[in-house]
């Protein structure tokens, strides 16, 4: 799909930022523009986010310029991870602001396009503000979507949704959260009372046909089980540098101080040998204990803990510091 198909303000912003669309973007844009449910399977760095969002942003811009853009949520983005939701909301601000500047420079009037996050971390004041003035793009999680559908104000906010983007869809297909989300998507489709375009994104999805069936639901599958969805499979080939290393002492529910010291020392060595390192632990208590021990070895400014019981501000700070390269671990 050529960039000339987009509004000049949208195409101009994209051309300023990127040399050319990726194959995944070109294929996805054509399918999405045709109104088809679309599943994008592409590796990290292939531009999946813009593959899903740019058509939606273009539609918002065109309606805004024509004076047809109401104060209602049109695009719903669902992510299984709060941290990913926060990243998406932040990453949308730059293109929305830059496109607005281009519209203004061209002498075109368009309402401010708003993208906001609604998760369990969203303060009550922001939730009230959203009810009064819904964002055009709502970023949320499966659980928060369920809660919104259960309230009159939430249903009023979602009644104008036209497209749903489900990111990291592979993490939802075969578990209870996925079943929960599938139910919520059917409830949303019934609420909007219009064809609801569904777009799925993931870097890792196999078997791809099963993921496609999950994305579109039973209503878009024929008698033979074939889903009515455009599948954009940009490939998954990628070189990986993997290593498996066992601890010097066997891991056990109860370990000696000497055993943990060996583990923490080795983790510190690995962190020093790499730019950024993620360490996963089984419990929140273990996360905090590990972070404390590694802080003593690497310095407090280079290590941060992250789990769901921490204050929202602390988690967001850790996420942003990791992305900016300020954290080693």
Foldseek 3Di string as FASTA:
>chain_A
DDLVVFDPLLSVVVVVVDVDQAPQLVLLQVCVVVVFAAEGAAAPPNPVLCSPCSVVVRVLQVCQLVVNHDLAAAEEEAEQDPLVLVVSQVVVVVSQVSSVVVCVVVVTGGPRQHEDEDEPQDDPVVVVVCLVGPGNYYYYYLVRLVVLLVDPSSLVRLLNYAEYEYEQLQVQLPDPSLVSSLVSVVSSCVSNVDDHHYYYYDNDDPPPQSSQCSGPDPVQADPVRGGRYHYHHPDNDDDDDDDDDDQPDDDDPDDDPVSVVSVLVVVLVVLVVDLADDDDDDDLVVQVVSQVSNCVVPNNQAGAGDDDVDRPVRNNVVSVCVVVSRHSD
